[in-house]
């Protein structure tokens, strides 16, 4: 049996979700007896496009059977996708909105698919978490992903649909990493307007950005530090060693479990290539609130438990 080769391109190696994507892909590859090469784009969309094109244009015996990638920017590289399909290379896009697949699927017989968490539903869950944590309303400092990210846009849209009207949101942007959120929050804290801002909760579109925000608040003057660090913080991704562990320890009040999908992409590609089973044009994965929304509401209604939930500090 031919040993299939896959290329997996991830946005960076600094984000806990991307690290879990890589680990899940390697585990699936070992289990299924396939080869997976993992590269990282360092959050550089242009560089990622060039990396992928190099693998498409290399000698035929060196080409992967399929490319799996999570876009580092606002585009899923339609021109590279067409070149890959024309070269007989499968193409699977992770966690990104894609509009060109129907046309490519009509023109080429290689596997072509988009696999994603339901990002609007992630946003809706986060809005409901805000409601559970702030039953009387309030103000949220909301750390979004990059403006050109379809995942960030969909999460924001979902959050705005589900949050109550008595919760106001002040937004800032970071780049899916702890360091980028740390810089964004630190810059905001240097503004005189931040000192008098009423913030009741800090919500981030991923756990690493929530951690970066906590790090920034931990460095401000002692006079204001305790107030900020005692606020509830929420994130998304919910990886076992980070987000879920931080909820258990009280660093985060809540997170949202978003299943890594790189391993699912490998499983679906292997089934397609070995068994000639077709791949769907799109597959959406449902997210899950941690803790459950009911449990979160119960904790918030018990003052002692809610205070304990907010008392943790990272490190």
C-alpha atoms as a PDB file:
ATOM      1  CA  UNK A   1       0.000   0.000   0.000  1.00  0.00           C
ATOM      2  CA  UNK A   2       1.311   3.431  -0.922  1.00  0.00           C
ATOM      3  CA  UNK A   3       2.328   5.588   2.026  1.00  0.00           C
ATOM      4  CA  UNK A   4       0.523   8.864   1.468  1.00  0.00           C
ATOM      5  CA  UNK A   5       2.299  12.148   2.168  1.00  0.00           C
ATOM      6  CA  UNK A   6       0.533  15.235   3.494  1.00  0.00           C
ATOM      7  CA  UNK A   7       1.720  18.772   4.097  1.00  0.00           C
ATOM      8  CA  UNK A   8       0.198  20.610   7.079  1.00  0.00           C
ATOM      9  CA  UNK A   9       0.697  24.391   7.214  1.00  0.00           C
ATOM     10  CA  UNK A  10      -0.288  26.089  10.476  1.00  0.00           C
ATOM     11  CA  UNK A  11      -0.445  29.792  11.247  1.00  0.00           C
ATOM     12  CA  UNK A  12       2.204  29.787  13.987  1.00  0.00           C
ATOM     13  CA  UNK A  13       3.847  27.668  16.651  1.00  0.00           C
ATOM     14  CA  UNK A  14       3.125  30.035  19.568  1.00  0.00           C
ATOM     15  CA  UNK A  15      -0.613  29.471  20.008  1.00  0.00           C
ATOM     16  CA  UNK A  16      -1.809  26.555  22.136  1.00  0.00           C
ATOM     17  CA  UNK A  17      -4.522  25.597  19.652  1.00  0.00           C
ATOM     18  CA  UNK A  18      -2.023  25.497  16.769  1.00  0.00           C
ATOM     19  CA  UNK A  19       0.273  23.345  18.900  1.00  0.00           C
ATOM     20  CA  UNK A  20      -2.620  20.954  19.559  1.00  0.00           C
ATOM     21  CA  UNK A  21      -3.387  20.900  15.829  1.00  0.00           C
ATOM     22  CA  UNK A  22       0.185  19.750  15.168  1.00  0.00           C
ATOM     23  CA  UNK A  23       0.127  17.142  17.936  1.00  0.00           C
ATOM     24  CA  UNK A  24      -3.231  15.757  16.795  1.00  0.00           C
ATOM     25  CA  UNK A  25      -2.031  15.557  13.178  1.00  0.00           C
ATOM     26  CA  UNK A  26       1.159  13.701  14.144  1.00  0.00           C
ATOM     27  CA  UNK A  27      -0.811  11.225  16.258  1.00  0.00           C
ATOM     28  CA  UNK A  28      -3.282  10.558  13.430  1.00  0.00           C
ATOM     29  CA  UNK A  29      -0.456  10.134  10.914  1.00  0.00           C
ATOM     30  CA  UNK A  30       1.262   7.515  13.091  1.00  0.00           C
ATOM     31  CA  UNK A  31      -2.004   5.658  13.652  1.00  0.00           C
ATOM     32  CA  UNK A  32      -2.905   5.627   9.959  1.00  0.00           C
ATOM     33  CA  UNK A  33       0.589   4.936   8.620  1.00  0.00           C
ATOM     34  CA  UNK A  34       0.957   8.131   6.603  1.00  0.00           C
ATOM     35  CA  UNK A  35       3.607  10.833   6.500  1.00  0.00           C
ATOM     36  CA  UNK A  36       2.841  14.401   7.546  1.00  0.00           C
ATOM     37  CA  UNK A  37       5.233  17.326   7.206  1.00  0.00           C
ATOM     38  CA  UNK A  38       4.336  20.313   9.393  1.00  0.00           C
ATOM     39  CA  UNK A  39       5.386  23.870   8.588  1.00  0.00           C
ATOM     40  CA  UNK A  40       4.500  27.169  10.257  1.00  0.00           C
ATOM     41  CA  UNK A  41       3.686  30.512   8.635  1.00  0.00           C
ATOM     42  CA  UNK A  42       4.704  32.746  11.572  1.00  0.00           C
ATOM     43  CA  UNK A  43       1.441  34.682  11.039  1.00  0.00           C
ATOM     44  CA  UNK A  44       2.705  35.793   7.608  1.00  0.00           C
ATOM     45  CA  UNK A  45       0.096  35.217   4.906  1.00  0.00           C
ATOM     46  CA  UNK A  46       2.434  36.135   2.045  1.00  0.00           C
ATOM     47  CA  UNK A  47       5.107  33.812   3.367  1.00  0.00           C
ATOM     48  CA  UNK A  48       2.562  31.032   3.793  1.00  0.00           C
ATOM     49  CA  UNK A  49       1.376  31.416   0.209  1.00  0.00           C
ATOM     50  CA  UNK A  50       4.958  31.165  -1.040  1.00  0.00           C
ATOM     51  CA  UNK A  51       5.635  28.113   1.116  1.00  0.00           C
ATOM     52  CA  UNK A  52       2.587  26.309  -0.255  1.00  0.00           C
ATOM     53  CA  UNK A  53       3.372  27.249  -3.848  1.00  0.00           C
ATOM     54  CA  UNK A  54       6.886  25.852  -3.495  1.00  0.00           C
ATOM     55  CA  UNK A  55       5.444  22.486  -2.513  1.00  0.00           C
ATOM     56  CA  UNK A  56       2.965  22.577  -5.384  1.00  0.00           C
ATOM     57  CA  UNK A  57       5.646  23.413  -7.958  1.00  0.00           C
ATOM     58  CA  UNK A  58       8.331  20.987  -6.764  1.00  0.00           C
ATOM     59  CA  UNK A  59       9.232  17.801  -8.649  1.00  0.00           C
ATOM     60  CA  UNK A  60       6.262  15.423  -8.992  1.00  0.00           C
ATOM     61  CA  UNK A  61       7.863  12.697  -6.859  1.00  0.00           C
ATOM     62  CA  UNK A  62       8.347  15.209  -4.015  1.00  0.00           C
ATOM     63  CA  UNK A  63       4.831  16.644  -4.027  1.00  0.00           C
ATOM     64  CA  UNK A  64       2.448  15.835  -1.180  1.00  0.00           C
ATOM     65  CA  UNK A  65      -0.744  13.927  -1.933  1.00  0.00           C
ATOM     66  CA  UNK A  66      -2.662  16.704  -0.230  1.00  0.00           C
ATOM     67  CA  UNK A  67      -2.096  20.062   1.441  1.00  0.00           C
ATOM     68  CA  UNK A  68      -3.895  20.848   4.695  1.00  0.00           C
ATOM     69  CA  UNK A  69      -3.590  24.407   5.931  1.00  0.00           C
ATOM     70  CA  UNK A  70      -5.030  27.000   8.266  1.00  0.00           C
ATOM     71  CA  UNK A  71      -4.745  30.437   6.619  1.00  0.00           C
ATOM     72  CA  UNK A  72      -2.545  32.959   8.398  1.00  0.00           C
ATOM     73  CA  UNK A  73      -4.399  35.909   6.880  1.00  0.00           C
ATOM     74  CA  UNK A  74      -7.667  36.890   5.288  1.00  0.00           C
ATOM     75  CA  UNK A  75      -7.404  34.735   2.172  1.00  0.00           C
ATOM     76  CA  UNK A  76      -7.423  31.005   1.551  1.00  0.00           C
ATOM     77  CA  UNK A  77      -5.200  31.413  -1.534  1.00  0.00           C
ATOM     78  CA  UNK A  78      -7.555  30.552  -4.423  1.00  0.00           C
ATOM     79  CA  UNK A  79      -4.777  30.741  -7.044  1.00  0.00           C
ATOM     80  CA  UNK A  80      -2.558  28.337  -5.101  1.00  0.00           C
ATOM     81  CA  UNK A  81      -5.574  26.074  -4.580  1.00  0.00           C
ATOM     82  CA  UNK A  82      -6.192  25.910  -8.331  1.00  0.00           C
ATOM     83  CA  UNK A  83      -2.511  25.208  -9.018  1.00  0.00           C
ATOM     84  CA  UNK A  84      -2.537  22.423  -6.432  1.00  0.00           C
ATOM     85  CA  UNK A  85      -5.671  20.822  -7.842  1.00  0.00           C
ATOM     86  CA  UNK A  86      -4.267  21.026 -11.377  1.00  0.00           C
ATOM     87  CA  UNK A  87      -1.121  19.272 -10.135  1.00  0.00           C
ATOM     88  CA  UNK A  88      -3.207  16.457  -8.640  1.00  0.00           C
ATOM     89  CA  UNK A  89      -2.754  17.600  -5.037  1.00  0.00           C
ATOM     90  CA  UNK A  90      -5.684  17.496  -2.621  1.00  0.00           C
ATOM     91  CA  UNK A  91      -6.540  20.707  -0.772  1.00  0.00           C
ATOM     92  CA  UNK A  92      -8.136  21.016   2.672  1.00  0.00           C
ATOM     93  CA  UNK A  93      -8.699  24.399   4.327  1.00  0.00           C
ATOM     94  CA  UNK A  94      -9.029  24.551   8.113  1.00  0.00           C
ATOM     95  CA  UNK A  95     -11.026  27.062  10.154  1.00  0.00           C
ATOM     96  CA  UNK A  96     -11.605  29.570   7.387  1.00  0.00           C
ATOM     97  CA  UNK A  97     -14.436  30.676   5.141  1.00  0.00           C
ATOM     98  CA  UNK A  98     -13.878  29.471   1.554  1.00  0.00           C
ATOM     99  CA  UNK A  99     -15.973  30.429  -1.476  1.00  0.00           C
ATOM    100  CA  UNK A 100     -13.990  28.896  -4.341  1.00  0.00           C
ATOM    101  CA  UNK A 101     -14.354  25.193  -3.534  1.00  0.00           C
ATOM    102  CA  UNK A 102     -17.582  24.541  -5.494  1.00  0.00           C
ATOM    103  CA  UNK A 103     -15.976  25.659  -8.765  1.00  0.00           C
ATOM    104  CA  UNK A 104     -12.776  23.689  -8.142  1.00  0.00           C
ATOM    105  CA  UNK A 105     -14.751  20.574  -7.214  1.00  0.00           C
ATOM    106  CA  UNK A 106     -16.557  20.766 -10.566  1.00  0.00           C
ATOM    107  CA  UNK A 107     -13.241  21.033 -12.443  1.00  0.00           C
ATOM    108  CA  UNK A 108     -10.941  18.610 -10.600  1.00  0.00           C
ATOM    109  CA  UNK A 109     -11.271  15.145  -9.090  1.00  0.00           C
ATOM    110  CA  UNK A 110      -8.774  15.545  -6.233  1.00  0.00           C
ATOM    111  CA  UNK A 111     -10.066  15.820  -2.639  1.00  0.00           C
ATOM    112  CA  UNK A 112     -11.180  19.405  -1.938  1.00  0.00           C
ATOM    113  CA  UNK A 113     -12.764  20.298   1.389  1.00  0.00           C
ATOM    114  CA  UNK A 114     -13.099  22.880   4.158  1.00  0.00           C
ATOM    115  CA  UNK A 115     -13.173  21.683   7.763  1.00  0.00           C
ATOM    116  CA  UNK A 116     -13.915  24.171  10.480  1.00  0.00           C
ATOM    117  CA  UNK A 117     -15.280  24.733  13.915  1.00  0.00           C
ATOM    118  CA  UNK A 118     -18.566  26.613  13.803  1.00  0.00           C
ATOM    119  CA  UNK A 119     -17.118  30.035  14.573  1.00  0.00           C
ATOM    120  CA  UNK A 120     -20.434  31.865  14.723  1.00  0.00           C
ATOM    121  CA  UNK A 121     -21.636  29.310  17.264  1.00  0.00           C
ATOM    122  CA  UNK A 122     -18.406  29.845  19.234  1.00  0.00           C
ATOM    123  CA  UNK A 123     -19.259  33.541  19.377  1.00  0.00           C
ATOM    124  CA  UNK A 124     -22.834  32.794  20.419  1.00  0.00           C
ATOM    125  CA  UNK A 125     -21.616  30.604  23.266  1.00  0.00           C
ATOM    126  CA  UNK A 126     -19.225  33.309  24.406  1.00  0.00           C
ATOM    127  CA  UNK A 127     -22.025  35.881  24.386  1.00  0.00           C
ATOM    128  CA  UNK A 128     -24.097  33.523  26.550  1.00  0.00           C
ATOM    129  CA  UNK A 129     -21.125  33.094  28.879  1.00  0.00           C
ATOM    130  CA  UNK A 130     -20.963  36.885  29.250  1.00  0.00           C
ATOM    131  CA  UNK A 131     -24.674  36.873  30.134  1.00  0.00           C
ATOM    132  CA  UNK A 132     -24.178  34.139  32.757  1.00  0.00           C
ATOM    133  CA  UNK A 133     -21.199  35.909  34.318  1.00  0.00           C
ATOM    134  CA  UNK A 134     -22.830  39.360  34.241  1.00  0.00           C
ATOM    135  CA  UNK A 135     -26.496  38.641  35.053  1.00  0.00           C
ATOM    136  CA  UNK A 136     -27.123  42.331  35.818  1.00  0.00           C
ATOM    137  CA  UNK A 137     -25.306  43.577  32.720  1.00  0.00           C
ATOM    138  CA  UNK A 138     -22.031  45.425  32.511  1.00  0.00           C
ATOM    139  CA  UNK A 139     -19.080  46.160  30.262  1.00  0.00           C
ATOM    140  CA  UNK A 140     -16.736  43.700  28.549  1.00  0.00           C
ATOM    141  CA  UNK A 141     -13.208  44.332  27.294  1.00  0.00           C
ATOM    142  CA  UNK A 142     -13.242  42.096  24.217  1.00  0.00           C
ATOM    143  CA  UNK A 143      -9.996  41.003  22.553  1.00  0.00           C
ATOM    144  CA  UNK A 144     -10.658  39.973  18.959  1.00  0.00           C
ATOM    145  CA  UNK A 145      -8.438  38.205  16.461  1.00  0.00           C
ATOM    146  CA  UNK A 146      -7.077  39.987  13.360  1.00  0.00           C
ATOM    147  CA  UNK A 147      -9.474  42.126  11.321  1.00  0.00           C
ATOM    148  CA  UNK A 148      -8.858  40.028   8.187  1.00  0.00           C
ATOM    149  CA  UNK A 149      -9.643  36.719   9.907  1.00  0.00           C
ATOM    150  CA  UNK A 150     -12.975  35.187   8.927  1.00  0.00           C
ATOM    151  CA  UNK A 151     -12.936  33.182  12.188  1.00  0.00           C
ATOM    152  CA  UNK A 152     -12.596  36.387  14.218  1.00  0.00           C
ATOM    153  CA  UNK A 153     -15.376  38.094  12.239  1.00  0.00           C
ATOM    154  CA  UNK A 154     -17.746  35.157  12.682  1.00  0.00           C
ATOM    155  CA  UNK A 155     -17.014  34.875  16.411  1.00  0.00           C
ATOM    156  CA  UNK A 156     -17.718  38.587  16.883  1.00  0.00           C
ATOM    157  CA  UNK A 157     -20.947  38.352  14.887  1.00  0.00           C
ATOM    158  CA  UNK A 158     -22.119  35.384  16.971  1.00  0.00           C
ATOM    159  CA  UNK A 159     -21.236  37.103  20.244  1.00  0.00           C
ATOM    160  CA  UNK A 160     -23.180  40.226  19.280  1.00  0.00           C
ATOM    161  CA  UNK A 161     -26.204  38.105  18.380  1.00  0.00           C
ATOM    162  CA  UNK A 162     -26.362  36.310  21.725  1.00  0.00           C
ATOM    163  CA  UNK A 163     -25.174  38.815  24.324  1.00  0.00           C
ATOM    164  CA  UNK A 164     -27.898  40.746  26.183  1.00  0.00           C
ATOM    165  CA  UNK A 165     -28.445  44.395  25.318  1.00  0.00           C
ATOM    166  CA  UNK A 166     -27.404  45.424  28.845  1.00  0.00           C
ATOM    167  CA  UNK A 167     -23.834  44.235  28.187  1.00  0.00           C
ATOM    168  CA  UNK A 168     -21.636  46.744  26.353  1.00  0.00           C
ATOM    169  CA  UNK A 169     -18.467  45.690  24.544  1.00  0.00           C
ATOM    170  CA  UNK A 170     -15.210  47.590  24.082  1.00  0.00           C
ATOM    171  CA  UNK A 171     -13.055  45.848  21.477  1.00  0.00           C
ATOM    172  CA  UNK A 172      -9.352  45.702  20.720  1.00  0.00           C
ATOM    173  CA  UNK A 173      -7.431  43.422  18.374  1.00  0.00           C
ATOM    174  CA  UNK A 174      -4.542  41.017  18.729  1.00  0.00           C
ATOM    175  CA  UNK A 175      -3.051  38.252  16.589  1.00  0.00           C
ATOM    176  CA  UNK A 176      -4.059  34.956  18.256  1.00  0.00           C
ATOM    177  CA  UNK A 177      -0.979  34.925  20.514  1.00  0.00           C
ATOM    178  CA  UNK A 178      -0.338  35.727  24.168  1.00  0.00           C
ATOM    179  CA  UNK A 179       2.357  38.252  23.278  1.00  0.00           C
ATOM    180  CA  UNK A 180       0.159  40.175  20.819  1.00  0.00           C
ATOM    181  CA  UNK A 181      -2.657  40.494  23.392  1.00  0.00           C
ATOM    182  CA  UNK A 182      -0.150  41.510  26.075  1.00  0.00           C
ATOM    183  CA  UNK A 183       1.080  44.339  23.814  1.00  0.00           C
ATOM    184  CA  UNK A 184      -2.440  45.454  22.889  1.00  0.00           C
ATOM    185  CA  UNK A 185      -3.675  45.590  26.485  1.00  0.00           C
ATOM    186  CA  UNK A 186      -0.458  47.196  27.723  1.00  0.00           C
ATOM    187  CA  UNK A 187      -0.831  49.951  25.113  1.00  0.00           C
ATOM    188  CA  UNK A 188      -4.453  50.512  26.121  1.00  0.00           C
ATOM    189  CA  UNK A 189      -3.516  50.705  29.812  1.00  0.00           C
ATOM    190  CA  UNK A 190      -1.085  53.523  29.035  1.00  0.00           C
ATOM    191  CA  UNK A 191      -3.990  55.652  27.805  1.00  0.00           C
ATOM    192  CA  UNK A 192      -5.441  57.998  30.414  1.00  0.00           C
ATOM    193  CA  UNK A 193      -8.962  56.951  29.399  1.00  0.00           C
ATOM    194  CA  UNK A 194      -8.310  53.356  30.504  1.00  0.00           C
ATOM    195  CA  UNK A 195      -7.903  54.363  34.154  1.00  0.00           C
ATOM    196  CA  UNK A 196     -11.508  55.440  34.513  1.00  0.00           C
ATOM    197  CA  UNK A 197     -12.979  52.790  32.242  1.00  0.00           C
ATOM    198  CA  UNK A 198     -15.637  50.602  33.791  1.00  0.00           C
ATOM    199  CA  UNK A 199     -14.845  47.022  32.829  1.00  0.00           C
ATOM    200  CA  UNK A 200     -16.627  44.093  34.461  1.00  0.00           C
ATOM    201  CA  UNK A 201     -15.222  41.190  32.427  1.00  0.00           C
ATOM    202  CA  UNK A 202     -12.358  40.502  30.012  1.00  0.00           C
ATOM    203  CA  UNK A 203     -13.280  38.234  27.112  1.00  0.00           C
ATOM    204  CA  UNK A 204     -10.848  37.031  24.443  1.00  0.00           C
ATOM    205  CA  UNK A 205     -11.378  35.095  21.251  1.00  0.00           C
ATOM    206  CA  UNK A 206      -8.756  32.584  22.323  1.00  0.00           C
ATOM    207  CA  UNK A 207      -7.222  31.457  25.596  1.00  0.00           C
ATOM    208  CA  UNK A 208      -3.695  32.594  24.793  1.00  0.00           C
ATOM    209  CA  UNK A 209      -4.942  36.152  24.253  1.00  0.00           C
ATOM    210  CA  UNK A 210      -6.804  35.998  27.574  1.00  0.00           C
ATOM    211  CA  UNK A 211      -3.519  34.939  29.182  1.00  0.00           C
ATOM    212  CA  UNK A 212      -1.731  37.855  27.510  1.00  0.00           C
ATOM    213  CA  UNK A 213      -4.322  40.269  28.881  1.00  0.00           C
ATOM    214  CA  UNK A 214      -3.857  38.886  32.414  1.00  0.00           C
ATOM    215  CA  UNK A 215      -0.099  39.295  32.041  1.00  0.00           C
ATOM    216  CA  UNK A 216      -0.530  42.972  31.122  1.00  0.00           C
ATOM    217  CA  UNK A 217      -2.860  43.625  34.065  1.00  0.00           C
ATOM    218  CA  UNK A 218      -0.435  41.876  36.436  1.00  0.00           C
ATOM    219  CA  UNK A 219       2.237  44.466  35.604  1.00  0.00           C
ATOM    220  CA  UNK A 220       0.268  47.637  36.392  1.00  0.00           C
ATOM    221  CA  UNK A 221       0.552  49.528  39.676  1.00  0.00           C
ATOM    222  CA  UNK A 222      -0.573  47.694  42.786  1.00  0.00           C
ATOM    223  CA  UNK A 223      -3.277  50.304  43.299  1.00  0.00           C
ATOM    224  CA  UNK A 224      -5.222  49.041  40.264  1.00  0.00           C
ATOM    225  CA  UNK A 225      -3.802  45.525  39.780  1.00  0.00           C
ATOM    226  CA  UNK A 226      -6.081  43.672  42.191  1.00  0.00           C
ATOM    227  CA  UNK A 227      -9.237  45.177  40.697  1.00  0.00           C
ATOM    228  CA  UNK A 228      -8.281  44.049  37.182  1.00  0.00           C
ATOM    229  CA  UNK A 229      -7.064  40.578  38.134  1.00  0.00           C
ATOM    230  CA  UNK A 230     -10.209  39.878  40.148  1.00  0.00           C
ATOM    231  CA  UNK A 231     -12.383  40.347  37.071  1.00  0.00           C
ATOM    232  CA  UNK A 232     -13.644  37.204  35.329  1.00  0.00           C
ATOM    233  CA  UNK A 233     -11.588  36.351  32.211  1.00  0.00           C
ATOM    234  CA  UNK A 234     -12.898  34.135  29.421  1.00  0.00           C
ATOM    235  CA  UNK A 235     -11.296  32.675  26.315  1.00  0.00           C
ATOM    236  CA  UNK A 236     -11.773  30.121  23.562  1.00  0.00           C
ATOM    237  CA  UNK A 237      -9.977  26.930  22.414  1.00  0.00           C
ATOM    238  CA  UNK A 238     -10.179  25.011  25.712  1.00  0.00           C
ATOM    239  CA  UNK A 239      -7.127  22.831  25.174  1.00  0.00           C
ATOM    240  CA  UNK A 240      -6.650  20.333  28.035  1.00  0.00           C
ATOM    241  CA  UNK A 241      -3.276  21.626  29.276  1.00  0.00           C
ATOM    242  CA  UNK A 242      -4.091  25.334  28.932  1.00  0.00           C
ATOM    243  CA  UNK A 243      -7.670  26.611  28.706  1.00  0.00           C
ATOM    244  CA  UNK A 244      -9.332  23.724  30.546  1.00  0.00           C
ATOM    245  CA  UNK A 245      -6.597  23.689  33.206  1.00  0.00           C
ATOM    246  CA  UNK A 246      -6.925  27.469  33.630  1.00  0.00           C
ATOM    247  CA  UNK A 247     -10.671  27.134  34.200  1.00  0.00           C
ATOM    248  CA  UNK A 248     -10.073  24.485  36.866  1.00  0.00           C
ATOM    249  CA  UNK A 249      -7.519  26.694  38.638  1.00  0.00           C
ATOM    250  CA  UNK A 250      -9.615  29.875  38.385  1.00  0.00           C
ATOM    251  CA  UNK A 251      -7.343  31.756  35.985  1.00  0.00           C
ATOM    252  CA  UNK A 252     -10.228  31.726  33.504  1.00  0.00           C
ATOM    253  CA  UNK A 253     -13.897  31.844  34.454  1.00  0.00           C
ATOM    254  CA  UNK A 254     -14.825  30.015  31.256  1.00  0.00           C
ATOM    255  CA  UNK A 255     -13.528  28.841  27.916  1.00  0.00           C
ATOM    256  CA  UNK A 256     -14.960  27.121  24.839  1.00  0.00           C
ATOM    257  CA  UNK A 257     -13.638  23.764  23.709  1.00  0.00           C
ATOM    258  CA  UNK A 258     -12.769  23.887  20.018  1.00  0.00           C
ATOM    259  CA  UNK A 259     -11.701  20.496  18.747  1.00  0.00           C
ATOM    260  CA  UNK A 260      -8.460  20.380  16.731  1.00  0.00           C
ATOM    261  CA  UNK A 261      -9.400  19.471  13.173  1.00  0.00           C
ATOM    262  CA  UNK A 262      -6.048  18.711  11.524  1.00  0.00           C
ATOM    263  CA  UNK A 263      -6.308  15.067  12.573  1.00  0.00           C
ATOM    264  CA  UNK A 264      -9.853  14.877  11.206  1.00  0.00           C
ATOM    265  CA  UNK A 265      -8.562  16.240   7.878  1.00  0.00           C
ATOM    266  CA  UNK A 266      -5.941  13.475   7.735  1.00  0.00           C
ATOM    267  CA  UNK A 267      -8.510  10.791   8.600  1.00  0.00           C
ATOM    268  CA  UNK A 268     -10.892  12.025   5.899  1.00  0.00           C
ATOM    269  CA  UNK A 269      -8.123  12.261   3.296  1.00  0.00           C
ATOM    270  CA  UNK A 270      -6.887   8.742   4.034  1.00  0.00           C
ATOM    271  CA  UNK A 271     -10.414   7.364   3.755  1.00  0.00           C
ATOM    272  CA  UNK A 272     -10.883   9.198   0.474  1.00  0.00           C
ATOM    273  CA  UNK A 273      -7.558   8.141  -1.061  1.00  0.00           C
ATOM    274  CA  UNK A 274      -7.571   4.530   0.166  1.00  0.00           C
ATOM    275  CA  UNK A 275     -11.252   3.699  -0.083  1.00  0.00           C
ATOM    276  CA  UNK A 276     -12.380   6.090  -2.813  1.00  0.00           C
ATOM    277  CA  UNK A 277     -14.933   7.628  -0.466  1.00  0.00           C
ATOM    278  CA  UNK A 278     -15.815  11.185  -1.338  1.00  0.00           C
ATOM    279  CA  UNK A 279     -15.119  14.162   0.890  1.00  0.00           C
ATOM    280  CA  UNK A 280     -17.843  16.716   1.644  1.00  0.00           C
ATOM    281  CA  UNK A 281     -17.379  20.274   0.460  1.00  0.00           C
ATOM    282  CA  UNK A 282     -17.625  21.502   4.042  1.00  0.00           C
ATOM    283  CA  UNK A 283     -17.664  19.962   7.510  1.00  0.00           C
ATOM    284  CA  UNK A 284     -18.507  21.993  10.628  1.00  0.00           C
ATOM    285  CA  UNK A 285     -17.548  20.910  14.149  1.00  0.00           C
ATOM    286  CA  UNK A 286     -19.691  21.963  17.125  1.00  0.00           C
ATOM    287  CA  UNK A 287     -17.964  23.796  20.025  1.00  0.00           C
ATOM    288  CA  UNK A 288     -18.708  23.259  23.728  1.00  0.00           C
ATOM    289  CA  UNK A 289     -18.851  25.659  26.686  1.00  0.00           C
ATOM    290  CA  UNK A 290     -16.518  24.851  29.601  1.00  0.00           C
ATOM    291  CA  UNK A 291     -18.043  24.817  32.142  1.00  0.00           C
ATOM    292  CA  UNK A 292     -21.530  24.300  30.731  1.00  0.00           C
ATOM    293  CA  UNK A 293     -23.692  27.406  30.559  1.00  0.00           C
ATOM    294  CA  UNK A 294     -25.968  26.006  33.270  1.00  0.00           C
ATOM    295  CA  UNK A 295     -23.020  25.340  35.559  1.00  0.00           C
ATOM    296  CA  UNK A 296     -21.583  28.786  34.869  1.00  0.00           C
ATOM    297  CA  UNK A 297     -24.879  30.425  35.804  1.00  0.00           C
ATOM    298  CA  UNK A 298     -25.042  28.368  39.040  1.00  0.00           C
ATOM    299  CA  UNK A 299     -21.496  29.377  39.992  1.00  0.00           C
ATOM    300  CA  UNK A 300     -22.242  33.046  39.354  1.00  0.00           C
ATOM    301  CA  UNK A 301     -25.365  32.892  41.516  1.00  0.00           C
ATOM    302  CA  UNK A 302     -23.257  31.695  44.471  1.00  0.00           C
ATOM    303  CA  UNK A 303     -21.113  34.688  45.577  1.00  0.00           C
ATOM    304  CA  UNK A 304     -18.433  32.680  47.368  1.00  0.00           C
ATOM    305  CA  UNK A 305     -17.891  30.396  44.410  1.00  0.00           C
ATOM    306  CA  UNK A 306     -17.894  33.316  41.969  1.00  0.00           C
ATOM    307  CA  UNK A 307     -15.295  35.144  44.051  1.00  0.00           C
ATOM    308  CA  UNK A 308     -13.105  32.083  44.187  1.00  0.00           C
ATOM    309  CA  UNK A 309     -13.447  31.652  40.442  1.00  0.00           C
ATOM    310  CA  UNK A 310     -12.031  35.136  39.912  1.00  0.00           C
ATOM    311  CA  UNK A 311      -9.293  34.937  42.503  1.00  0.00           C
ATOM    312  CA  UNK A 312      -6.692  33.000  40.557  1.00  0.00           C
ATOM    313  CA  UNK A 313      -3.730  34.685  38.906  1.00  0.00           C
ATOM    314  CA  UNK A 314      -1.482  33.170  36.303  1.00  0.00           C
ATOM    315  CA  UNK A 315       1.811  31.798  37.487  1.00  0.00           C
END
